[in-house]
Amino acid sequence: MAFSSNQDGGPMAEINVTPLVDVMLVLLIIFMITAPMMSQRIQIDLPQKSTVKNDEEPPPPIALTINSAGNLFWDGQPLTKDVFELQLQFEAKKDPQPMLQIKADLFTEYQVLADVMGSAKNLGMNKIGFETTATN
């Protein structure tokens, strides 16, 4: 068998990997010990499936139409903003609360729609839906 020897006294070309393996094993042991300590359990209360069935049908939605001139129509009937707020306040107190379905014309000013949504929110309406319609 032929072994090479360093007879000329120059630098060795071989790397001693034993210290590198020792360091890697120490790091592996450190990570194995600290990793379980870093993961903490978080208690979460998930909602449980309800067994109560609600056979009651939801009330029909309120169809509120806003035309391009900013006029309000409650289920096809024209009304003023004051009457709208009174009817909306009455509907908001019902249980279950009906959905307010807003149908706005494409050319309706945003301020009118924002005022209607603000009034609905301030009066306690929780369910609001939107639909756009184009009228000629």
N, C-alpha and C. Protein backbone atom coordinates (compact mmCIF):
# COMPACT_ATOMS: atom_id res chain seq x y z
N MET A 1 0.84 -1.16 0.00
CA MET A 1 0.00 0.00 0.00
C MET A 1 0.89 1.23 0.00
N ALA A 2 0.39 2.22 -0.70
CA ALA A 2 1.19 3.43 -0.81
C ALA A 2 0.52 4.53 -0.02
N PHE A 3 1.23 5.07 0.92
CA PHE A 3 0.77 6.22 1.69
C PHE A 3 1.63 7.40 1.31
N SER A 4 0.98 8.55 1.19
CA SER A 4 1.78 9.74 0.91
C SER A 4 2.28 10.32 2.21
N SER A 5 3.45 10.78 2.18
CA SER A 5 4.01 11.37 3.39
C SER A 5 4.50 12.77 3.07
N ASN A 6 4.53 13.55 4.07
CA ASN A 6 4.94 14.94 3.91
C ASN A 6 6.43 15.02 4.19
N GLN A 7 7.23 14.60 3.22
CA GLN A 7 8.66 14.56 3.41
C GLN A 7 9.33 15.88 3.10
N ASP A 8 8.71 16.70 2.27
CA ASP A 8 9.38 17.94 1.90
C ASP A 8 9.19 19.06 2.91
N GLY A 9 8.36 18.87 3.93
CA GLY A 9 8.21 19.84 5.00
C GLY A 9 7.29 21.00 4.65
N GLY A 10 6.55 20.93 3.53
CA GLY A 10 5.64 22.00 3.14
C GLY A 10 4.30 21.89 3.86
N PRO A 11 3.38 22.76 3.55
CA PRO A 11 2.08 22.72 4.20
C PRO A 11 1.28 21.49 3.81
N MET A 12 0.43 21.00 4.75
CA MET A 12 -0.40 19.82 4.49
C MET A 12 -1.61 20.25 3.66
N ALA A 13 -1.98 19.41 2.73
CA ALA A 13 -3.12 19.71 1.87
C ALA A 13 -4.39 19.03 2.36
N GLU A 14 -4.37 18.34 3.45
CA GLU A 14 -5.53 17.64 3.97
C GLU A 14 -6.16 18.44 5.11
N ILE A 15 -7.52 18.38 5.19
CA ILE A 15 -8.23 19.10 6.24
C ILE A 15 -8.67 18.10 7.28
N ASN A 16 -8.47 18.46 8.52
CA ASN A 16 -8.92 17.62 9.63
C ASN A 16 -10.38 17.97 9.93
N VAL A 17 -11.32 17.04 9.65
CA VAL A 17 -12.74 17.30 9.81
C VAL A 17 -13.26 16.92 11.19
N THR A 18 -12.45 16.36 12.02
CA THR A 18 -12.90 15.94 13.35
C THR A 18 -13.41 17.12 14.18
N PRO A 19 -12.73 18.27 14.25
CA PRO A 19 -13.30 19.40 15.01
C PRO A 19 -14.61 19.91 14.41
N LEU A 20 -14.71 19.88 13.10
CA LEU A 20 -15.94 20.32 12.45
C LEU A 20 -17.12 19.41 12.81
N VAL A 21 -16.89 18.11 12.82
CA VAL A 21 -17.94 17.16 13.21
C VAL A 21 -18.31 17.36 14.67
N ASP A 22 -17.34 17.60 15.52
CA ASP A 22 -17.63 17.85 16.94
C ASP A 22 -18.51 19.08 17.13
N VAL A 23 -18.19 20.15 16.43
CA VAL A 23 -18.98 21.38 16.54
C VAL A 23 -20.39 21.16 16.03
N MET A 24 -20.53 20.45 14.91
CA MET A 24 -21.86 20.19 14.36
C MET A 24 -22.70 19.32 15.30
N LEU A 25 -22.10 18.35 15.95
CA LEU A 25 -22.84 17.52 16.90
C LEU A 25 -23.29 18.32 18.12
N VAL A 26 -22.42 19.19 18.59
CA VAL A 26 -22.79 20.05 19.73
C VAL A 26 -23.95 20.96 19.35
N LEU A 27 -23.88 21.56 18.15
CA LEU A 27 -24.98 22.42 17.70
C LEU A 27 -26.28 21.64 17.53
N LEU A 28 -26.20 20.44 17.01
CA LEU A 28 -27.37 19.59 16.86
C LEU A 28 -28.01 19.29 18.21
N ILE A 29 -27.21 18.98 19.19
CA ILE A 29 -27.73 18.70 20.54
C ILE A 29 -28.38 19.95 21.13
N ILE A 30 -27.76 21.11 20.94
CA ILE A 30 -28.32 22.36 21.46
C ILE A 30 -29.69 22.62 20.83
N PHE A 31 -29.79 22.48 19.50
CA PHE A 31 -31.07 22.71 18.84
C PHE A 31 -32.12 21.68 19.23
N MET A 32 -31.71 20.45 19.45
CA MET A 32 -32.67 19.43 19.86
C MET A 32 -33.23 19.72 21.25
N ILE A 33 -32.43 20.32 22.09
CA ILE A 33 -32.90 20.64 23.45
C ILE A 33 -33.75 21.90 23.46
N THR A 34 -33.35 22.93 22.70
CA THR A 34 -34.06 24.22 22.76
C THR A 34 -35.29 24.29 21.87
N ALA A 35 -35.38 23.50 20.82
CA ALA A 35 -36.53 23.59 19.91
C ALA A 35 -37.86 23.30 20.61
N PRO A 36 -37.98 22.25 21.42
CA PRO A 36 -39.28 22.03 22.09
C PRO A 36 -39.64 23.14 23.07
N MET A 37 -38.65 23.83 23.62
CA MET A 37 -38.94 24.91 24.57
C MET A 37 -39.48 26.14 23.87
N MET A 38 -39.13 26.32 22.61
CA MET A 38 -39.56 27.52 21.89
C MET A 38 -40.99 27.41 21.37
N SER A 39 -41.50 26.22 21.20
CA SER A 39 -42.88 26.07 20.74
C SER A 39 -43.80 26.01 21.95
N GLN A 40 -44.76 26.94 21.97
CA GLN A 40 -45.69 27.01 23.08
C GLN A 40 -47.08 26.70 22.56
N ARG A 41 -47.86 26.07 23.37
CA ARG A 41 -49.23 25.77 22.97
C ARG A 41 -50.12 26.97 23.23
N ILE A 42 -51.03 27.18 22.32
CA ILE A 42 -52.00 28.27 22.44
C ILE A 42 -53.38 27.64 22.56
N GLN A 43 -54.08 28.00 23.62
CA GLN A 43 -55.43 27.47 23.82
C GLN A 43 -56.41 28.29 22.98
N ILE A 44 -57.17 27.61 22.14
CA ILE A 44 -58.16 28.27 21.30
C ILE A 44 -59.50 27.60 21.55
N ASP A 45 -60.50 28.43 21.83
CA ASP A 45 -61.85 27.92 22.01
C ASP A 45 -62.57 28.00 20.67
N LEU A 46 -62.64 26.88 19.98
CA LEU A 46 -63.31 26.83 18.69
C LEU A 46 -64.81 26.71 18.89
N PRO A 47 -65.58 27.32 17.99
CA PRO A 47 -67.04 27.20 18.14
C PRO A 47 -67.48 25.77 17.87
N GLN A 48 -68.45 25.34 18.63
CA GLN A 48 -68.97 23.99 18.49
C GLN A 48 -70.17 24.01 17.54
N LYS A 49 -70.40 22.90 16.91
CA LYS A 49 -71.52 22.78 15.99
C LYS A 49 -72.83 22.90 16.77
N SER A 50 -73.69 23.75 16.30
CA SER A 50 -74.96 23.96 16.96
C SER A 50 -75.95 22.89 16.54
N THR A 51 -76.67 22.38 17.50
CA THR A 51 -77.68 21.36 17.20
C THR A 51 -79.07 21.97 17.09
N VAL A 52 -79.19 23.26 17.40
CA VAL A 52 -80.49 23.92 17.34
C VAL A 52 -80.73 24.34 15.90
N LYS A 53 -81.87 23.93 15.37
CA LYS A 53 -82.22 24.29 14.01
C LYS A 53 -83.18 25.47 14.06
N ASN A 54 -82.92 26.42 13.18
CA ASN A 54 -83.78 27.59 13.08
C ASN A 54 -84.72 27.37 11.90
N ASP A 55 -85.94 26.96 12.19
CA ASP A 55 -86.92 26.70 11.15
C ASP A 55 -87.56 27.99 10.65
N GLU A 56 -87.30 29.07 11.34
CA GLU A 56 -87.89 30.34 10.97
C GLU A 56 -87.18 30.90 9.75
N GLU A 57 -87.94 31.25 8.73
CA GLU A 57 -87.35 31.82 7.54
C GLU A 57 -86.98 33.28 7.79
N PRO A 58 -85.91 33.74 7.17
CA PRO A 58 -85.54 35.13 7.36
C PRO A 58 -86.58 36.05 6.72
N PRO A 59 -86.74 37.24 7.28
CA PRO A 59 -87.72 38.16 6.70
C PRO A 59 -87.28 38.59 5.30
N PRO A 60 -88.22 38.98 4.47
CA PRO A 60 -87.84 39.43 3.12
C PRO A 60 -86.98 40.69 3.21
N PRO A 61 -86.05 40.83 2.28
CA PRO A 61 -85.18 42.02 2.33
C PRO A 61 -85.93 43.29 1.98
N ILE A 62 -85.40 44.39 2.46
CA ILE A 62 -85.96 45.70 2.15
C ILE A 62 -85.28 46.18 0.88
N ALA A 63 -86.05 46.43 -0.15
CA ALA A 63 -85.49 46.90 -1.42
C ALA A 63 -85.48 48.42 -1.42
N LEU A 64 -84.32 49.00 -1.25
CA LEU A 64 -84.17 50.45 -1.27
C LEU A 64 -83.50 50.82 -2.58
N THR A 65 -84.19 51.59 -3.40
CA THR A 65 -83.65 52.00 -4.69
C THR A 65 -83.30 53.47 -4.63
N ILE A 66 -82.14 53.81 -5.18
CA ILE A 66 -81.70 55.20 -5.25
C ILE A 66 -81.48 55.51 -6.73
N ASN A 67 -82.23 56.49 -7.26
CA ASN A 67 -82.04 56.81 -8.67
C ASN A 67 -80.92 57.84 -8.83
N SER A 68 -80.65 58.22 -10.08
CA SER A 68 -79.53 59.12 -10.35
C SER A 68 -79.74 60.52 -9.77
N ALA A 69 -80.99 60.91 -9.54
CA ALA A 69 -81.28 62.21 -8.95
C ALA A 69 -81.14 62.20 -7.43
N GLY A 70 -80.94 61.02 -6.82
CA GLY A 70 -80.78 60.92 -5.38
C GLY A 70 -82.08 60.65 -4.64
N ASN A 71 -83.17 60.36 -5.36
CA ASN A 71 -84.45 60.06 -4.73
C ASN A 71 -84.44 58.63 -4.20
N LEU A 72 -85.10 58.44 -3.05
CA LEU A 72 -85.17 57.13 -2.40
C LEU A 72 -86.52 56.48 -2.65
N PHE A 73 -86.48 55.15 -2.89
CA PHE A 73 -87.70 54.38 -3.10
C PHE A 73 -87.63 53.14 -2.21
N TRP A 74 -88.58 53.03 -1.28
CA TRP A 74 -88.65 51.89 -0.36
C TRP A 74 -89.65 50.89 -0.92
N ASP A 75 -89.17 49.76 -1.38
CA ASP A 75 -90.00 48.75 -2.03
C ASP A 75 -90.87 49.36 -3.14
N GLY A 76 -90.28 50.26 -3.90
CA GLY A 76 -90.97 50.89 -5.03
C GLY A 76 -91.74 52.14 -4.69
N GLN A 77 -91.91 52.47 -3.41
CA GLN A 77 -92.66 53.65 -2.99
C GLN A 77 -91.70 54.80 -2.70
N PRO A 78 -91.91 55.98 -3.30
CA PRO A 78 -91.01 57.11 -3.03
C PRO A 78 -91.18 57.60 -1.58
N LEU A 79 -90.07 58.06 -1.01
CA LEU A 79 -90.12 58.58 0.35
C LEU A 79 -89.00 59.59 0.56
N THR A 80 -89.18 60.42 1.59
CA THR A 80 -88.16 61.42 1.92
C THR A 80 -87.14 60.80 2.86
N LYS A 81 -86.06 61.53 3.09
CA LYS A 81 -84.99 61.02 3.95
C LYS A 81 -85.48 60.87 5.40
N ASP A 82 -86.31 61.77 5.87
CA ASP A 82 -86.83 61.68 7.25
C ASP A 82 -87.71 60.44 7.43
N VAL A 83 -88.59 60.19 6.47
CA VAL A 83 -89.46 59.02 6.54
C VAL A 83 -88.61 57.75 6.41
N PHE A 84 -87.60 57.81 5.55
CA PHE A 84 -86.69 56.66 5.40
C PHE A 84 -86.03 56.31 6.72
N GLU A 85 -85.55 57.31 7.44
CA GLU A 85 -84.88 57.05 8.72
C GLU A 85 -85.85 56.50 9.75
N LEU A 86 -87.10 56.98 9.76
CA LEU A 86 -88.09 56.45 10.71
C LEU A 86 -88.40 54.99 10.40
N GLN A 87 -88.60 54.66 9.12
CA GLN A 87 -88.91 53.28 8.76
C GLN A 87 -87.70 52.38 9.03
N LEU A 88 -86.51 52.88 8.75
CA LEU A 88 -85.30 52.09 8.98
C LEU A 88 -85.09 51.84 10.47
N GLN A 89 -85.40 52.84 11.29
CA GLN A 89 -85.28 52.67 12.75
C GLN A 89 -86.26 51.60 13.24
N PHE A 90 -87.45 51.58 12.68
CA PHE A 90 -88.44 50.57 13.04
C PHE A 90 -87.98 49.18 12.62
N GLU A 91 -87.46 49.06 11.38
CA GLU A 91 -87.01 47.76 10.86
C GLU A 91 -85.77 47.25 11.61
N ALA A 92 -84.91 48.15 12.07
CA ALA A 92 -83.69 47.75 12.76
C ALA A 92 -83.98 47.10 14.10
N LYS A 93 -85.13 47.40 14.69
CA LYS A 93 -85.47 46.85 16.00
C LYS A 93 -86.10 45.46 15.91
N LYS A 94 -86.43 45.02 14.70
CA LYS A 94 -87.06 43.70 14.54
C LYS A 94 -86.05 42.59 14.80
N ASP A 95 -86.59 41.46 15.24
CA ASP A 95 -85.74 40.28 15.45
C ASP A 95 -86.39 39.10 14.76
N PRO A 96 -85.84 38.53 13.75
CA PRO A 96 -84.57 38.81 13.10
C PRO A 96 -84.67 40.05 12.20
N GLN A 97 -83.55 40.68 12.08
CA GLN A 97 -83.49 41.92 11.32
C GLN A 97 -83.46 41.63 9.81
N PRO A 98 -84.29 42.34 9.03
CA PRO A 98 -84.24 42.12 7.58
C PRO A 98 -82.99 42.77 6.97
N MET A 99 -82.64 42.29 5.79
CA MET A 99 -81.48 42.86 5.09
C MET A 99 -81.92 44.09 4.31
N LEU A 100 -81.11 45.12 4.35
CA LEU A 100 -81.35 46.32 3.56
C LEU A 100 -80.61 46.14 2.24
N GLN A 101 -81.35 45.92 1.16
CA GLN A 101 -80.76 45.70 -0.17
C GLN A 101 -80.82 47.02 -0.92
N ILE A 102 -79.66 47.65 -1.10
CA ILE A 102 -79.58 48.96 -1.76
C ILE A 102 -79.30 48.75 -3.24
N LYS A 103 -80.19 49.27 -4.07
CA LYS A 103 -80.00 49.24 -5.53
C LYS A 103 -79.77 50.67 -5.98
N ALA A 104 -78.53 50.97 -6.32
CA ALA A 104 -78.18 52.33 -6.71
C ALA A 104 -77.97 52.41 -8.21
N ASP A 105 -78.44 53.48 -8.80
CA ASP A 105 -78.20 53.73 -10.22
C ASP A 105 -76.71 53.99 -10.43
N LEU A 106 -76.22 53.68 -11.61
CA LEU A 106 -74.79 53.87 -11.88
C LEU A 106 -74.38 55.34 -11.80
N PHE A 107 -75.32 56.24 -12.02
CA PHE A 107 -75.00 57.67 -12.04
C PHE A 107 -75.36 58.36 -10.73
N THR A 108 -75.69 57.60 -9.71
CA THR A 108 -75.98 58.18 -8.40
C THR A 108 -74.71 58.72 -7.78
N GLU A 109 -74.80 59.91 -7.20
CA GLU A 109 -73.63 60.49 -6.54
C GLU A 109 -73.26 59.66 -5.32
N TYR A 110 -71.96 59.55 -5.09
CA TYR A 110 -71.48 58.74 -3.98
C TYR A 110 -71.94 59.32 -2.64
N GLN A 111 -72.03 60.64 -2.53
CA GLN A 111 -72.42 61.27 -1.26
C GLN A 111 -73.80 60.81 -0.82
N VAL A 112 -74.73 60.65 -1.78
CA VAL A 112 -76.08 60.20 -1.44
C VAL A 112 -76.02 58.77 -0.90
N LEU A 113 -75.25 57.92 -1.57
CA LEU A 113 -75.11 56.53 -1.12
C LEU A 113 -74.41 56.48 0.25
N ALA A 114 -73.39 57.31 0.45
CA ALA A 114 -72.69 57.34 1.73
C ALA A 114 -73.62 57.81 2.85
N ASP A 115 -74.49 58.78 2.57
CA ASP A 115 -75.45 59.25 3.59
C ASP A 115 -76.43 58.15 3.97
N VAL A 116 -76.89 57.40 2.97
CA VAL A 116 -77.84 56.31 3.24
C VAL A 116 -77.16 55.22 4.07
N MET A 117 -75.94 54.85 3.70
CA MET A 117 -75.22 53.82 4.46
C MET A 117 -74.90 54.29 5.87
N GLY A 118 -74.54 55.56 6.02
CA GLY A 118 -74.27 56.10 7.36
C GLY A 118 -75.51 56.11 8.23
N SER A 119 -76.64 56.49 7.64
CA SER A 119 -77.90 56.47 8.40
C SER A 119 -78.26 55.05 8.82
N ALA A 120 -78.08 54.11 7.89
CA ALA A 120 -78.41 52.72 8.21
C ALA A 120 -77.53 52.20 9.34
N LYS A 121 -76.25 52.51 9.29
CA LYS A 121 -75.34 52.05 10.34
C LYS A 121 -75.68 52.70 11.68
N ASN A 122 -75.93 54.00 11.66
CA ASN A 122 -76.23 54.71 12.91
C ASN A 122 -77.55 54.28 13.53
N LEU A 123 -78.48 53.82 12.71
CA LEU A 123 -79.77 53.38 13.22
C LEU A 123 -79.78 51.91 13.62
N GLY A 124 -78.67 51.19 13.41
CA GLY A 124 -78.56 49.83 13.91
C GLY A 124 -78.76 48.73 12.90
N MET A 125 -78.73 49.04 11.62
CA MET A 125 -78.86 47.99 10.60
C MET A 125 -77.53 47.24 10.49
N ASN A 126 -77.59 45.92 10.64
CA ASN A 126 -76.39 45.10 10.59
C ASN A 126 -76.20 44.42 9.24
N LYS A 127 -77.27 44.23 8.51
CA LYS A 127 -77.22 43.51 7.24
C LYS A 127 -77.52 44.47 6.10
N ILE A 128 -76.51 44.77 5.30
CA ILE A 128 -76.67 45.67 4.17
C ILE A 128 -76.09 45.00 2.94
N GLY A 129 -76.87 44.96 1.86
CA GLY A 129 -76.41 44.40 0.61
C GLY A 129 -76.46 45.48 -0.47
N PHE A 130 -75.69 45.28 -1.56
CA PHE A 130 -75.62 46.29 -2.62
C PHE A 130 -75.87 45.64 -3.97
N GLU A 131 -76.48 46.43 -4.85
CA GLU A 131 -76.73 46.01 -6.21
C GLU A 131 -76.74 47.25 -7.08
N THR A 132 -76.06 47.21 -8.21
CA THR A 132 -76.07 48.35 -9.12
C THR A 132 -77.00 48.06 -10.28
N THR A 133 -77.71 49.10 -10.70
CA THR A 133 -78.60 48.97 -11.84
C THR A 133 -78.38 50.16 -12.74
N ALA A 134 -78.46 49.95 -14.01
CA ALA A 134 -78.33 51.05 -14.98
C ALA A 134 -79.71 51.34 -15.56
N THR A 135 -80.13 52.58 -15.47
CA THR A 135 -81.41 52.97 -16.04
C THR A 135 -81.15 53.96 -17.15
N ASN A 136 -81.98 53.92 -18.16
CA ASN A 136 -81.81 54.84 -19.29
C ASN A 136 -82.84 55.92 -19.25
